[in-house]
C-alpha atoms as a PDB file:
ATOM      1  CA  MET A   1     246.252  38.126  60.539  1.00  0.00           C
ATOM      2  CA  LEU A   2     242.621  38.496  59.485  1.00  0.00           C
ATOM      3  CA  ALA A   3     239.816  39.441  61.850  1.00  0.00           C
ATOM      4  CA  ALA A   4     236.029  39.582  61.743  1.00  0.00           C
ATOM      5  CA  TYR A   5     233.022  40.255  63.896  1.00  0.00           C
ATOM      6  CA  VAL A   6     230.318  37.598  63.712  1.00  0.00           C
ATOM      7  CA  LEU A   7     226.774  38.700  64.544  1.00  0.00           C
ATOM      8  CA  ILE A   8     224.916  35.639  65.792  1.00  0.00           C
ATOM      9  CA  GLN A   9     221.184  34.955  66.043  1.00  0.00           C
ATOM     10  CA  LEU A  10     220.353  32.354  68.673  1.00  0.00           C
ATOM     11  CA  GLY A  11     217.239  30.189  68.747  1.00  0.00           C
ATOM     12  CA  THR A  12     215.154  29.058  71.673  1.00  0.00           C
ATOM     13  CA  GLU A  13     217.235  25.873  71.946  1.00  0.00           C
ATOM     14  CA  ALA A  14     220.362  27.886  72.809  1.00  0.00           C
ATOM     15  CA  THR A  15     221.698  27.273  76.322  1.00  0.00           C
ATOM     16  CA  PRO A  16     224.459  28.797  78.456  1.00  0.00           C
ATOM     17  CA  GLU A  17     226.610  25.942  77.144  1.00  0.00           C
ATOM     18  CA  SER A  18     226.125  27.327  73.610  1.00  0.00           C
ATOM     19  CA  LEU A  19     228.135  30.409  74.623  1.00  0.00           C
ATOM     20  CA  ASP A  20     230.815  28.182  76.174  1.00  0.00           C
ATOM     21  CA  GLN A  21     231.006  26.202  72.921  1.00  0.00           C
ATOM     22  CA  LEU A  22     231.367  29.401  70.897  1.00  0.00           C
ATOM     23  CA  ARG A  23     234.182  30.588  73.140  1.00  0.00           C
ATOM     24  CA  GLY A  24     235.940  27.228  72.756  1.00  0.00           C
ATOM     25  CA  ILE A  25     236.202  27.390  68.956  1.00  0.00           C
ATOM     26  CA  ASP A  26     239.729  27.871  67.662  1.00  0.00           C
ATOM     27  CA  GLY A  27     239.977  31.458  66.450  1.00  0.00           C
ATOM     28  CA  VAL A  28     237.199  32.911  68.624  1.00  0.00           C
ATOM     29  CA  GLN A  29     238.879  35.589  70.728  1.00  0.00           C
ATOM     30  CA  HIS A  30     235.727  36.894  72.432  1.00  0.00           C
ATOM     31  CA  ALA A  31     232.021  36.027  72.401  1.00  0.00           C
ATOM     32  CA  HIS A  32     229.384  37.972  74.302  1.00  0.00           C
ATOM     33  CA  ILE A  33     225.615  37.898  74.674  1.00  0.00           C
ATOM     34  CA  VAL A  34     224.246  41.352  73.799  1.00  0.00           C
ATOM     35  CA  PHE A  35     220.872  43.103  73.927  1.00  0.00           C
ATOM     36  CA  GLY A  36     219.183  44.189  70.715  1.00  0.00           C
ATOM     37  CA  PRO A  37     218.415  42.594  67.361  1.00  0.00           C
ATOM     38  CA  THR A  38     221.615  40.506  67.551  1.00  0.00           C
ATOM     39  CA  ASP A  39     221.828  37.937  70.354  1.00  0.00           C
ATOM     40  CA  CYS A  40     225.579  37.391  70.441  1.00  0.00           C
ATOM     41  CA  ILE A  41     228.699  38.967  68.922  1.00  0.00           C
ATOM     42  CA  ALA A  42     231.961  37.069  68.466  1.00  0.00           C
ATOM     43  CA  PHE A  43     235.336  38.502  67.496  1.00  0.00           C
ATOM     44  CA  ILE A  44     237.414  36.009  65.513  1.00  0.00           C
ATOM     45  CA  GLN A  45     240.986  36.021  64.212  1.00  0.00           C
ATOM     46  CA  ALA A  46     242.792  33.683  61.845  1.00  0.00           C
ATOM     47  CA  PRO A  47     246.046  33.657  59.881  1.00  0.00           C
ATOM     48  CA  ASP A  48     244.332  33.401  56.479  1.00  0.00           C
ATOM     49  CA  MET A  49     240.937  33.433  54.783  1.00  0.00           C
ATOM     50  CA  GLU A  50     240.610  29.635  54.808  1.00  0.00           C
ATOM     51  CA  ALA A  51     241.070  29.476  58.580  1.00  0.00           C
ATOM     52  CA  LEU A  52     238.704  32.412  59.063  1.00  0.00           C
ATOM     53  CA  LEU A  53     236.055  30.592  57.011  1.00  0.00           C
ATOM     54  CA  GLU A  54     236.575  27.403  59.051  1.00  0.00           C
ATOM     55  CA  CYS A  55     236.059  29.364  62.267  1.00  0.00           C
ATOM     56  CA  SER A  56     232.925  31.020  60.881  1.00  0.00           C
ATOM     57  CA  MET A  57     231.515  27.655  59.782  1.00  0.00           C
ATOM     58  CA  ALA A  58     232.298  26.130  63.206  1.00  0.00           C
ATOM     59  CA  ILE A  59     230.230  28.895  64.799  1.00  0.00           C
ATOM     60  CA  ARG A  60     227.274  27.908  62.607  1.00  0.00           C
ATOM     61  CA  ASP A  61     227.572  24.305  63.830  1.00  0.00           C
ATOM     62  CA  VAL A  62     227.016  25.221  67.504  1.00  0.00           C
ATOM     63  CA  ALA A  63     223.654  24.057  68.845  1.00  0.00           C
ATOM     64  CA  GLY A  64     221.268  26.991  69.104  1.00  0.00           C
ATOM     65  CA  VAL A  65     222.879  29.128  66.395  1.00  0.00           C
ATOM     66  CA  GLU A  66     220.209  29.967  63.813  1.00  0.00           C
ATOM     67  CA  ALA A  67     222.028  32.504  61.627  1.00  0.00           C
ATOM     68  CA  THR A  68     225.282  34.426  61.378  1.00  0.00           C
ATOM     69  CA  ASP A  69     226.391  37.633  59.683  1.00  0.00           C
ATOM     70  CA  THR A  70     230.178  37.879  59.372  1.00  0.00           C
ATOM     71  CA  ARG A  71     231.828  41.294  58.925  1.00  0.00           C
ATOM     72  CA  LEU A  72     235.531  41.445  58.056  1.00  0.00           C
ATOM     73  CA  ALA A  73     237.408  43.934  60.200  1.00  0.00           C
ATOM     74  CA  VAL A  74     239.950  46.246  58.600  1.00  0.00           C
ATOM     75  CA  MET A  75     242.853  46.662  60.960  1.00  0.00           C
END
């Protein structure tokens, strides 16, 4: 199982539903709004790199997401 933290920058068009959409993506285990230079952090898990990439790309497709920075987690 692979895991990563995704640091997410949200734009002004982000809504509370944007967080719900993030949490509904297959592979997203947790997603939280945070204070600081990053607006949201998601923890994702997938069985292989292809599935992890699909999850990361699905996050980018959510309305309001402007940029992501994905960090693989070593477990």
